[in-house]
Amino acid sequence: MTEILKNMIHYLGQIYNFPIYESAIVMAAVAFLYFFGCAFVTGLKRKITRYVMISGLLFSFYVSQVIGVTLLNRTITEEARYDLNMIDVYRIAFSGNSVFMTQLIGNVIMFIPFGILVPICYQRIRGLFKIILVSFLASLFIETTQLYTHTGLFELVDLLNNTLGGVIGYFIYKIFYFIYKSIK
């Protein structure tokens, strides 16, 4: 377990090696689109309250960090790379390879905030099936972008782990929502 924690700290140091200004541009673009949607788009319109502002800014920051980690931080390779074998990745990770285990855990953890923030920011995307679908599609977008820009490895195992992270985040959201409603 200590090996995994050491790897996680080392891994975080490596993945947060992207220019802050690029992340800020992504955050500004996502925030603009979110607040534009809240103000003008039918089906997304919401009154801009303090709650909507804070949740929208948190979501924008989160998206900018995920894009920074998964796309901006990568070096471009000569060819597109992919790994469609999920079973070997899990077998290697669970046989004691702490690097593979760290990557598996990291992909789950990365999408937990997604599962929490999406239902907060988008009231129409509540429900387990919707979160599974949206988490999968967001992960597919990242993996496909990595494949076509040659900035990463398209991995089926990442699709599964990111989706699992989104579902875990959604359950955390539901627990806190239930507590909030019980108190109120």
N, C-alpha and C. Protein backbone atom coordinates (compact mmCIF):
# COMPACT_ATOMS: atom_id res chain seq x y z
N MET A 1 0.82 -1.20 0.00
CA MET A 1 0.00 0.00 0.00
C MET A 1 0.86 1.26 0.00
N THR A 2 1.98 1.23 0.75
CA THR A 2 2.87 2.39 0.76
C THR A 2 3.47 2.63 -0.61
N GLU A 3 3.74 1.55 -1.33
CA GLU A 3 4.29 1.67 -2.68
C GLU A 3 3.29 2.38 -3.59
N ILE A 4 2.03 2.05 -3.46
CA ILE A 4 0.99 2.69 -4.27
C ILE A 4 0.89 4.16 -3.92
N LEU A 5 0.95 4.51 -2.63
CA LEU A 5 0.90 5.93 -2.23
C LEU A 5 2.11 6.69 -2.77
N LYS A 6 3.29 6.09 -2.69
CA LYS A 6 4.49 6.73 -3.25
C LYS A 6 4.33 6.94 -4.76
N ASN A 7 3.84 5.91 -5.43
CA ASN A 7 3.62 6.03 -6.88
C ASN A 7 2.57 7.10 -7.19
N MET A 8 1.52 7.18 -6.38
CA MET A 8 0.47 8.18 -6.60
C MET A 8 1.04 9.59 -6.49
N ILE A 9 1.88 9.84 -5.48
CA ILE A 9 2.50 11.15 -5.31
C ILE A 9 3.43 11.46 -6.49
N HIS A 10 4.23 10.48 -6.88
CA HIS A 10 5.12 10.66 -8.04
C HIS A 10 4.30 10.90 -9.31
N TYR A 11 3.23 10.11 -9.47
CA TYR A 11 2.35 10.21 -10.63
C TYR A 11 1.70 11.59 -10.69
N LEU A 12 1.24 12.10 -9.55
CA LEU A 12 0.62 13.43 -9.52
C LEU A 12 1.64 14.50 -9.91
N GLY A 13 2.87 14.35 -9.46
CA GLY A 13 3.92 15.30 -9.84
C GLY A 13 4.15 15.33 -11.34
N GLN A 14 4.07 14.17 -11.96
CA GLN A 14 4.28 14.09 -13.41
C GLN A 14 3.08 14.62 -14.19
N ILE A 15 1.88 14.27 -13.77
CA ILE A 15 0.72 14.65 -14.58
C ILE A 15 0.36 16.12 -14.46
N TYR A 16 0.80 16.77 -13.38
CA TYR A 16 0.53 18.20 -13.27
C TYR A 16 1.69 19.02 -13.81
N ASN A 17 2.23 18.60 -14.94
CA ASN A 17 3.34 19.28 -15.56
C ASN A 17 2.87 19.91 -16.88
N PHE A 18 1.89 20.81 -16.79
CA PHE A 18 1.41 21.50 -17.97
C PHE A 18 1.30 22.99 -17.65
N PRO A 19 1.41 23.83 -18.67
CA PRO A 19 1.39 25.29 -18.44
C PRO A 19 0.05 25.75 -17.84
N ILE A 20 0.14 26.55 -16.81
CA ILE A 20 -1.04 27.03 -16.10
C ILE A 20 -1.91 27.91 -17.00
N TYR A 21 -1.28 28.66 -17.91
CA TYR A 21 -2.06 29.54 -18.77
C TYR A 21 -2.97 28.74 -19.71
N GLU A 22 -2.50 27.57 -20.16
CA GLU A 22 -3.36 26.73 -21.01
C GLU A 22 -4.57 26.25 -20.23
N SER A 23 -4.33 25.84 -19.00
CA SER A 23 -5.41 25.39 -18.13
C SER A 23 -6.38 26.55 -17.86
N ALA A 24 -5.86 27.76 -17.67
CA ALA A 24 -6.71 28.92 -17.40
C ALA A 24 -7.58 29.24 -18.62
N ILE A 25 -7.03 29.09 -19.81
CA ILE A 25 -7.82 29.33 -21.03
C ILE A 25 -8.95 28.32 -21.13
N VAL A 26 -8.64 27.05 -20.85
CA VAL A 26 -9.67 26.01 -20.89
C VAL A 26 -10.74 26.30 -19.85
N MET A 27 -10.32 26.69 -18.64
CA MET A 27 -11.29 26.99 -17.58
C MET A 27 -12.19 28.16 -17.98
N ALA A 28 -11.61 29.19 -18.55
CA ALA A 28 -12.40 30.35 -18.97
C ALA A 28 -13.40 29.95 -20.06
N ALA A 29 -12.98 29.14 -21.00
CA ALA A 29 -13.88 28.70 -22.07
C ALA A 29 -15.03 27.86 -21.52
N VAL A 30 -14.71 26.92 -20.63
CA VAL A 30 -15.76 26.07 -20.04
C VAL A 30 -16.70 26.91 -19.20
N ALA A 31 -16.18 27.83 -18.41
CA ALA A 31 -17.03 28.70 -17.58
C ALA A 31 -17.94 29.54 -18.47
N PHE A 32 -17.38 30.10 -19.54
CA PHE A 32 -18.20 30.90 -20.45
C PHE A 32 -19.36 30.06 -21.02
N LEU A 33 -19.04 28.87 -21.50
CA LEU A 33 -20.08 28.00 -22.07
C LEU A 33 -21.12 27.61 -21.03
N TYR A 34 -20.67 27.32 -19.82
CA TYR A 34 -21.60 26.94 -18.75
C TYR A 34 -22.55 28.09 -18.43
N PHE A 35 -22.00 29.27 -18.19
CA PHE A 35 -22.84 30.40 -17.81
C PHE A 35 -23.68 30.91 -18.98
N PHE A 36 -23.16 30.80 -20.19
CA PHE A 36 -23.96 31.12 -21.38
C PHE A 36 -25.17 30.19 -21.45
N GLY A 37 -24.92 28.89 -21.22
CA GLY A 37 -26.01 27.92 -21.21
C GLY A 37 -27.03 28.22 -20.13
N CYS A 38 -26.54 28.59 -18.94
CA CYS A 38 -27.45 28.93 -17.83
C CYS A 38 -28.31 30.14 -18.16
N ALA A 39 -27.76 31.06 -18.92
CA ALA A 39 -28.48 32.30 -19.21
C ALA A 39 -29.38 32.21 -20.44
N PHE A 40 -28.99 31.46 -21.46
CA PHE A 40 -29.67 31.57 -22.74
C PHE A 40 -30.19 30.27 -23.36
N VAL A 41 -29.68 29.13 -23.00
CA VAL A 41 -30.02 27.89 -23.71
C VAL A 41 -31.23 27.22 -23.07
N THR A 42 -32.25 27.01 -23.88
CA THR A 42 -33.45 26.35 -23.41
C THR A 42 -33.10 24.96 -22.89
N GLY A 43 -33.63 24.62 -21.74
CA GLY A 43 -33.33 23.33 -21.12
C GLY A 43 -32.18 23.40 -20.14
N LEU A 44 -31.32 24.40 -20.31
CA LEU A 44 -30.21 24.58 -19.36
C LEU A 44 -30.38 25.85 -18.53
N LYS A 45 -31.36 26.68 -18.90
CA LYS A 45 -31.54 27.96 -18.23
C LYS A 45 -31.73 27.78 -16.73
N ARG A 46 -31.01 28.60 -15.99
CA ARG A 46 -31.11 28.63 -14.54
C ARG A 46 -30.88 30.05 -14.09
N LYS A 47 -31.47 30.37 -12.96
CA LYS A 47 -31.19 31.66 -12.35
C LYS A 47 -29.75 31.59 -11.82
N ILE A 48 -28.95 32.61 -12.11
CA ILE A 48 -27.55 32.62 -11.70
C ILE A 48 -27.49 33.07 -10.23
N THR A 49 -27.47 32.10 -9.35
CA THR A 49 -27.37 32.35 -7.92
C THR A 49 -25.93 32.12 -7.48
N ARG A 50 -25.66 32.36 -6.22
CA ARG A 50 -24.34 32.10 -5.68
C ARG A 50 -24.00 30.61 -5.82
N TYR A 51 -24.96 29.76 -5.54
CA TYR A 51 -24.80 28.31 -5.66
C TYR A 51 -24.43 27.92 -7.09
N VAL A 52 -25.12 28.48 -8.08
CA VAL A 52 -24.85 28.19 -9.49
C VAL A 52 -23.47 28.72 -9.88
N MET A 53 -23.11 29.88 -9.39
CA MET A 53 -21.79 30.45 -9.70
C MET A 53 -20.67 29.57 -9.14
N ILE A 54 -20.78 29.19 -7.88
CA ILE A 54 -19.73 28.39 -7.25
C ILE A 54 -19.63 27.02 -7.92
N SER A 55 -20.77 26.36 -8.12
CA SER A 55 -20.73 25.03 -8.73
C SER A 55 -20.22 25.11 -10.17
N GLY A 56 -20.60 26.15 -10.90
CA GLY A 56 -20.12 26.33 -12.28
C GLY A 56 -18.63 26.58 -12.34
N LEU A 57 -18.11 27.37 -11.42
CA LEU A 57 -16.67 27.63 -11.39
C LEU A 57 -15.89 26.39 -10.96
N LEU A 58 -16.42 25.64 -10.00
CA LEU A 58 -15.77 24.38 -9.60
C LEU A 58 -15.75 23.40 -10.76
N PHE A 59 -16.86 23.29 -11.48
CA PHE A 59 -16.92 22.39 -12.62
C PHE A 59 -15.93 22.83 -13.70
N SER A 60 -15.86 24.12 -13.96
CA SER A 60 -14.93 24.64 -14.97
C SER A 60 -13.49 24.37 -14.57
N PHE A 61 -13.17 24.58 -13.30
CA PHE A 61 -11.81 24.29 -12.82
C PHE A 61 -11.51 22.81 -12.97
N TYR A 62 -12.45 21.97 -12.57
CA TYR A 62 -12.26 20.52 -12.67
C TYR A 62 -12.00 20.10 -14.13
N VAL A 63 -12.83 20.57 -15.05
CA VAL A 63 -12.66 20.22 -16.47
C VAL A 63 -11.30 20.69 -16.98
N SER A 64 -10.89 21.89 -16.58
CA SER A 64 -9.58 22.39 -17.04
C SER A 64 -8.45 21.52 -16.52
N GLN A 65 -8.57 21.01 -15.31
CA GLN A 65 -7.53 20.14 -14.76
C GLN A 65 -7.50 18.79 -15.46
N VAL A 66 -8.67 18.22 -15.74
CA VAL A 66 -8.72 16.94 -16.44
C VAL A 66 -8.14 17.08 -17.84
N ILE A 67 -8.50 18.14 -18.53
CA ILE A 67 -7.95 18.36 -19.88
C ILE A 67 -6.43 18.60 -19.79
N GLY A 68 -6.01 19.33 -18.78
CA GLY A 68 -4.57 19.54 -18.60
C GLY A 68 -3.83 18.25 -18.37
N VAL A 69 -4.38 17.39 -17.52
CA VAL A 69 -3.73 16.12 -17.17
C VAL A 69 -3.77 15.14 -18.34
N THR A 70 -4.90 15.07 -19.04
CA THR A 70 -5.06 14.03 -20.06
C THR A 70 -4.63 14.45 -21.46
N LEU A 71 -4.58 15.75 -21.73
CA LEU A 71 -4.26 16.18 -23.10
C LEU A 71 -3.11 17.18 -23.17
N LEU A 72 -3.12 18.20 -22.33
CA LEU A 72 -2.11 19.25 -22.43
C LEU A 72 -0.74 18.82 -21.93
N ASN A 73 -0.71 17.83 -21.08
CA ASN A 73 0.52 17.39 -20.44
C ASN A 73 1.28 16.35 -21.26
N ARG A 74 0.76 15.97 -22.37
CA ARG A 74 1.29 14.83 -23.12
C ARG A 74 2.21 15.28 -24.25
N THR A 75 3.19 14.46 -24.54
CA THR A 75 4.02 14.70 -25.71
C THR A 75 3.40 13.96 -26.89
N ILE A 76 3.53 14.53 -28.04
CA ILE A 76 2.95 13.94 -29.24
C ILE A 76 3.87 12.84 -29.75
N THR A 77 3.27 11.69 -30.04
CA THR A 77 4.03 10.56 -30.57
C THR A 77 3.83 10.48 -32.08
N GLU A 78 4.65 9.69 -32.72
CA GLU A 78 4.57 9.58 -34.18
C GLU A 78 3.34 8.83 -34.65
N GLU A 79 2.88 7.90 -33.85
CA GLU A 79 1.74 7.09 -34.28
C GLU A 79 0.69 7.03 -33.18
N ALA A 80 -0.53 6.78 -33.59
CA ALA A 80 -1.62 6.59 -32.64
C ALA A 80 -1.40 5.27 -31.91
N ARG A 81 -1.66 5.29 -30.60
CA ARG A 81 -1.45 4.09 -29.81
C ARG A 81 -2.73 3.72 -29.08
N TYR A 82 -2.96 2.43 -28.98
CA TYR A 82 -4.16 1.98 -28.27
C TYR A 82 -3.89 0.63 -27.62
N ASP A 83 -4.68 0.35 -26.59
CA ASP A 83 -4.62 -0.93 -25.89
C ASP A 83 -6.04 -1.35 -25.58
N LEU A 84 -6.49 -2.39 -26.24
CA LEU A 84 -7.87 -2.84 -26.10
C LEU A 84 -8.00 -4.05 -25.17
N ASN A 85 -6.92 -4.44 -24.55
CA ASN A 85 -6.91 -5.62 -23.69
C ASN A 85 -7.06 -5.22 -22.23
N MET A 86 -8.27 -5.32 -21.72
CA MET A 86 -8.52 -4.93 -20.33
C MET A 86 -8.05 -5.99 -19.34
N ILE A 87 -8.19 -7.23 -19.69
CA ILE A 87 -7.92 -8.32 -18.75
C ILE A 87 -6.45 -8.32 -18.32
N ASP A 88 -5.54 -8.14 -19.27
CA ASP A 88 -4.11 -8.14 -18.93
C ASP A 88 -3.75 -6.98 -18.00
N VAL A 89 -4.35 -5.82 -18.22
CA VAL A 89 -4.04 -4.67 -17.37
C VAL A 89 -4.44 -4.95 -15.93
N TYR A 90 -5.64 -5.47 -15.73
CA TYR A 90 -6.09 -5.81 -14.37
C TYR A 90 -5.24 -6.94 -13.78
N ARG A 91 -4.93 -7.93 -14.57
CA ARG A 91 -4.12 -9.06 -14.09
C ARG A 91 -2.76 -8.56 -13.61
N ILE A 92 -2.13 -7.70 -14.40
CA ILE A 92 -0.82 -7.15 -14.03
C ILE A 92 -0.94 -6.30 -12.76
N ALA A 93 -1.97 -5.46 -12.71
CA ALA A 93 -2.15 -4.59 -11.54
C ALA A 93 -2.40 -5.39 -10.27
N PHE A 94 -3.27 -6.37 -10.35
CA PHE A 94 -3.61 -7.15 -9.16
C PHE A 94 -2.59 -8.22 -8.81
N SER A 95 -1.60 -8.40 -9.69
CA SER A 95 -0.53 -9.34 -9.35
C SER A 95 0.60 -8.64 -8.61
N GLY A 96 0.42 -7.37 -8.30
CA GLY A 96 1.40 -6.67 -7.48
C GLY A 96 2.14 -5.54 -8.17
N ASN A 97 1.84 -5.25 -9.42
CA ASN A 97 2.51 -4.15 -10.12
C ASN A 97 1.90 -2.83 -9.64
N SER A 98 2.63 -2.13 -8.79
CA SER A 98 2.09 -0.92 -8.17
C SER A 98 1.92 0.23 -9.17
N VAL A 99 2.69 0.26 -10.24
CA VAL A 99 2.53 1.31 -11.26
C VAL A 99 1.19 1.15 -11.97
N PHE A 100 0.87 -0.07 -12.37
CA PHE A 100 -0.42 -0.31 -13.03
C PHE A 100 -1.58 -0.06 -12.06
N MET A 101 -1.42 -0.49 -10.80
CA MET A 101 -2.47 -0.27 -9.81
C MET A 101 -2.69 1.22 -9.58
N THR A 102 -1.61 1.99 -9.53
CA THR A 102 -1.70 3.43 -9.35
C THR A 102 -2.47 4.06 -10.50
N GLN A 103 -2.21 3.63 -11.72
CA GLN A 103 -2.93 4.17 -12.87
C GLN A 103 -4.40 3.80 -12.84
N LEU A 104 -4.71 2.58 -12.44
CA LEU A 104 -6.11 2.17 -12.33
C LEU A 104 -6.85 3.02 -11.30
N ILE A 105 -6.24 3.14 -10.12
CA ILE A 105 -6.86 3.92 -9.05
C ILE A 105 -6.96 5.39 -9.45
N GLY A 106 -5.91 5.90 -10.08
CA GLY A 106 -5.92 7.30 -10.52
C GLY A 106 -7.04 7.60 -11.50
N ASN A 107 -7.31 6.68 -12.42
CA ASN A 107 -8.40 6.90 -13.39
C ASN A 107 -9.76 6.87 -12.73
N VAL A 108 -9.93 6.06 -11.70
CA VAL A 108 -11.20 6.05 -10.97
C VAL A 108 -11.35 7.36 -10.20
N ILE A 109 -10.31 7.73 -9.46
CA ILE A 109 -10.35 8.95 -8.64
C ILE A 109 -10.58 10.19 -9.50
N MET A 110 -9.97 10.22 -10.69
CA MET A 110 -10.08 11.40 -11.55
C MET A 110 -11.53 11.72 -11.91
N PHE A 111 -12.38 10.72 -12.02
CA PHE A 111 -13.76 10.96 -12.44
C PHE A 111 -14.76 11.04 -11.28
N ILE A 112 -14.32 10.85 -10.04
CA ILE A 112 -15.24 11.00 -8.92
C ILE A 112 -15.81 12.42 -8.85
N PRO A 113 -15.00 13.47 -8.98
CA PRO A 113 -15.59 14.82 -8.98
C PRO A 113 -16.59 15.03 -10.13
N PHE A 114 -16.36 14.37 -11.24
CA PHE A 114 -17.29 14.46 -12.37
C PHE A 114 -18.67 13.98 -11.95
N GLY A 115 -18.71 12.83 -11.29
CA GLY A 115 -19.99 12.26 -10.83
C GLY A 115 -20.67 13.10 -9.78
N ILE A 116 -19.91 13.91 -9.05
CA ILE A 116 -20.49 14.81 -8.06
C ILE A 116 -20.96 16.10 -8.71
N LEU A 117 -20.12 16.68 -9.56
CA LEU A 117 -20.40 18.02 -10.10
C LEU A 117 -21.44 18.04 -11.22
N VAL A 118 -21.48 17.00 -12.05
CA VAL A 118 -22.44 17.01 -13.16
C VAL A 118 -23.89 17.12 -12.68
N PRO A 119 -24.34 16.30 -11.72
CA PRO A 119 -25.73 16.47 -11.28
C PRO A 119 -25.99 17.77 -10.53
N ILE A 120 -24.95 18.35 -9.94
CA ILE A 120 -25.12 19.64 -9.29
C ILE A 120 -25.30 20.73 -10.34
N CYS A 121 -24.47 20.69 -11.37
CA CYS A 121 -24.48 21.74 -12.40
C CYS A 121 -25.59 21.55 -13.44
N TYR A 122 -25.94 20.33 -13.71
CA TYR A 122 -26.93 20.04 -14.75
C TYR A 122 -28.04 19.18 -14.16
N GLN A 123 -29.13 19.84 -13.78
CA GLN A 123 -30.22 19.16 -13.10
C GLN A 123 -30.86 18.08 -13.97
N ARG A 124 -30.76 18.20 -15.26
CA ARG A 124 -31.35 17.20 -16.16
C ARG A 124 -30.51 15.92 -16.24
N ILE A 125 -29.29 15.99 -15.73
CA ILE A 125 -28.42 14.81 -15.77
C ILE A 125 -28.32 14.25 -14.35
N ARG A 126 -29.43 13.77 -13.88
CA ARG A 126 -29.48 13.10 -12.58
C ARG A 126 -30.09 11.73 -12.81
N GLY A 127 -29.59 10.79 -12.13
CA GLY A 127 -30.02 9.41 -12.30
C GLY A 127 -28.82 8.57 -12.68
N LEU A 128 -28.81 7.35 -12.21
CA LEU A 128 -27.65 6.48 -12.40
C LEU A 128 -27.34 6.22 -13.87
N PHE A 129 -28.37 5.91 -14.66
CA PHE A 129 -28.12 5.62 -16.08
C PHE A 129 -27.54 6.83 -16.80
N LYS A 130 -28.07 8.01 -16.49
CA LYS A 130 -27.56 9.22 -17.15
C LYS A 130 -26.10 9.48 -16.77
N ILE A 131 -25.76 9.26 -15.50
CA ILE A 131 -24.38 9.48 -15.07
C ILE A 131 -23.44 8.45 -15.71
N ILE A 132 -23.90 7.21 -15.79
CA ILE A 132 -23.08 6.19 -16.47
C ILE A 132 -22.83 6.61 -17.91
N LEU A 133 -23.88 7.02 -18.59
CA LEU A 133 -23.76 7.41 -20.00
C LEU A 133 -22.86 8.64 -20.18
N VAL A 134 -23.08 9.67 -19.39
CA VAL A 134 -22.30 10.90 -19.53
C VAL A 134 -20.84 10.68 -19.13
N SER A 135 -20.61 9.89 -18.08
CA SER A 135 -19.23 9.58 -17.67
C SER A 135 -18.52 8.80 -18.77
N PHE A 136 -19.20 7.83 -19.33
CA PHE A 136 -18.62 7.04 -20.41
C PHE A 136 -18.31 7.92 -21.62
N LEU A 137 -19.26 8.78 -22.00
CA LEU A 137 -19.05 9.65 -23.17
C LEU A 137 -17.91 10.65 -22.95
N ALA A 138 -17.82 11.20 -21.73
CA ALA A 138 -16.72 12.13 -21.42
C ALA A 138 -15.38 11.41 -21.50
N SER A 139 -15.33 10.20 -20.96
CA SER A 139 -14.11 9.41 -21.02
C SER A 139 -13.78 9.02 -22.46
N LEU A 140 -14.79 8.66 -23.22
CA LEU A 140 -14.59 8.31 -24.63
C LEU A 140 -14.05 9.51 -25.40
N PHE A 141 -14.54 10.70 -25.10
CA PHE A 141 -14.04 11.92 -25.74
C PHE A 141 -12.54 12.09 -25.45
N ILE A 142 -12.16 11.91 -24.19
CA ILE A 142 -10.75 12.06 -23.81
C ILE A 142 -9.88 11.02 -24.51
N GLU A 143 -10.31 9.76 -24.44
CA GLU A 143 -9.52 8.68 -25.03
C GLU A 143 -9.41 8.82 -26.55
N THR A 144 -10.51 9.19 -27.20
CA THR A 144 -10.51 9.37 -28.65
C THR A 144 -9.64 10.55 -29.05
N THR A 145 -9.70 11.62 -28.28
CA THR A 145 -8.85 12.79 -28.55
C THR A 145 -7.38 12.41 -28.40
N GLN A 146 -7.05 11.64 -27.36
CA GLN A 146 -5.68 11.18 -27.20
C GLN A 146 -5.24 10.33 -28.40
N LEU A 147 -6.14 9.50 -28.88
CA LEU A 147 -5.82 8.63 -30.01
C LEU A 147 -5.54 9.45 -31.27
N TYR A 148 -6.42 10.39 -31.58
CA TYR A 148 -6.29 11.14 -32.84
C TYR A 148 -5.25 12.24 -32.80
N THR A 149 -4.94 12.74 -31.61
CA THR A 149 -3.90 13.77 -31.53
C THR A 149 -2.54 13.16 -31.20
N HIS A 150 -2.51 11.84 -31.02
CA HIS A 150 -1.28 11.11 -30.70
C HIS A 150 -0.67 11.59 -29.39
N THR A 151 -1.53 11.98 -28.44
CA THR A 151 -1.04 12.50 -27.16
C THR A 151 -1.27 11.54 -26.01
N GLY A 152 -1.60 10.34 -26.30
CA GLY A 152 -1.82 9.37 -25.23
C GLY A 152 -2.19 8.03 -25.80
N LEU A 153 -2.55 7.16 -24.90
CA LEU A 153 -2.87 5.79 -25.25
C LEU A 153 -4.37 5.59 -25.07
N PHE A 154 -5.07 5.21 -26.12
CA PHE A 154 -6.49 4.88 -26.01
C PHE A 154 -6.59 3.52 -25.33
N GLU A 155 -7.18 3.51 -24.14
CA GLU A 155 -7.28 2.26 -23.38
C GLU A 155 -8.72 2.00 -22.97
N LEU A 156 -9.19 0.81 -23.26
CA LEU A 156 -10.54 0.43 -22.84
C LEU A 156 -10.65 0.43 -21.32
N VAL A 157 -9.58 0.04 -20.65
CA VAL A 157 -9.60 -0.01 -19.20
C VAL A 157 -9.83 1.39 -18.61
N ASP A 158 -9.34 2.42 -19.27
CA ASP A 158 -9.58 3.79 -18.81
C ASP A 158 -11.06 4.16 -18.94
N LEU A 159 -11.69 3.72 -20.03
CA LEU A 159 -13.13 3.98 -20.18
C LEU A 159 -13.91 3.38 -19.02
N LEU A 160 -13.59 2.15 -18.68
CA LEU A 160 -14.28 1.48 -17.58
C LEU A 160 -13.99 2.15 -16.24
N ASN A 161 -12.73 2.43 -15.96
CA ASN A 161 -12.37 3.03 -14.67
C ASN A 161 -12.89 4.46 -14.51
N ASN A 162 -12.84 5.24 -15.58
CA ASN A 162 -13.39 6.60 -15.51
C ASN A 162 -14.90 6.56 -15.27
N THR A 163 -15.58 5.65 -15.96
CA THR A 163 -17.03 5.52 -15.77
C THR A 163 -17.34 5.08 -14.35
N LEU A 164 -16.56 4.14 -13.83
CA LEU A 164 -16.72 3.70 -12.43
C LEU A 164 -16.52 4.88 -11.48
N GLY A 165 -15.52 5.71 -11.74
CA GLY A 165 -15.29 6.90 -10.91
C GLY A 165 -16.47 7.84 -10.94
N GLY A 166 -17.06 8.04 -12.13
CA GLY A 166 -18.25 8.89 -12.24
C GLY A 166 -19.41 8.34 -11.43
N VAL A 167 -19.58 7.03 -11.45
CA VAL A 167 -20.67 6.39 -10.69
C VAL A 167 -20.42 6.52 -9.18
N ILE A 168 -19.19 6.31 -8.75
CA ILE A 168 -18.86 6.48 -7.33
C ILE A 168 -19.14 7.92 -6.90
N GLY A 169 -18.72 8.87 -7.73
CA GLY A 169 -18.99 10.28 -7.45
C GLY A 169 -20.48 10.57 -7.36
N TYR A 170 -21.26 9.95 -8.23
CA TYR A 170 -22.71 10.15 -8.21
C TYR A 170 -23.30 9.61 -6.91
N PHE A 171 -22.82 8.46 -6.45
CA PHE A 171 -23.32 7.92 -5.17
C PHE A 171 -22.94 8.84 -4.01
N ILE A 172 -21.76 9.42 -4.05
CA ILE A 172 -21.37 10.40 -3.03
C ILE A 172 -22.32 11.60 -3.08
N TYR A 173 -22.60 12.08 -4.29
CA TYR A 173 -23.55 13.19 -4.46
C TYR A 173 -24.90 12.82 -3.85
N LYS A 174 -25.40 11.61 -4.16
CA LYS A 174 -26.71 11.18 -3.66
C LYS A 174 -26.74 11.11 -2.14
N ILE A 175 -25.65 10.63 -1.54
CA ILE A 175 -25.59 10.55 -0.07
C ILE A 175 -25.68 11.94 0.54
N PHE A 176 -24.88 12.88 0.02
CA PHE A 176 -24.92 14.24 0.55
C PHE A 176 -26.24 14.94 0.24
N TYR A 177 -26.82 14.66 -0.91
CA TYR A 177 -28.12 15.23 -1.26
C TYR A 177 -29.19 14.72 -0.30
N PHE A 178 -29.15 13.43 0.03
CA PHE A 178 -30.10 12.84 0.97
C PHE A 178 -29.94 13.47 2.35
N ILE A 179 -28.70 13.64 2.79
CA ILE A 179 -28.44 14.27 4.10
C ILE A 179 -28.95 15.70 4.09
N TYR A 180 -28.67 16.43 3.03
CA TYR A 180 -29.12 17.83 2.90
C TYR A 180 -30.65 17.91 2.96
N LYS A 181 -31.33 17.04 2.23
CA LYS A 181 -32.80 17.05 2.23
C LYS A 181 -33.35 16.64 3.59
N SER A 182 -32.68 15.72 4.28
CA SER A 182 -33.13 15.28 5.61
C SER A 182 -33.03 16.41 6.62
N ILE A 183 -31.94 17.18 6.54
CA ILE A 183 -31.74 18.29 7.47
C ILE A 183 -32.71 19.42 7.16
N LYS A 184 -32.91 19.67 5.89
CA LYS A 184 -33.78 20.77 5.47
C LYS A 184 -35.22 20.38 5.72
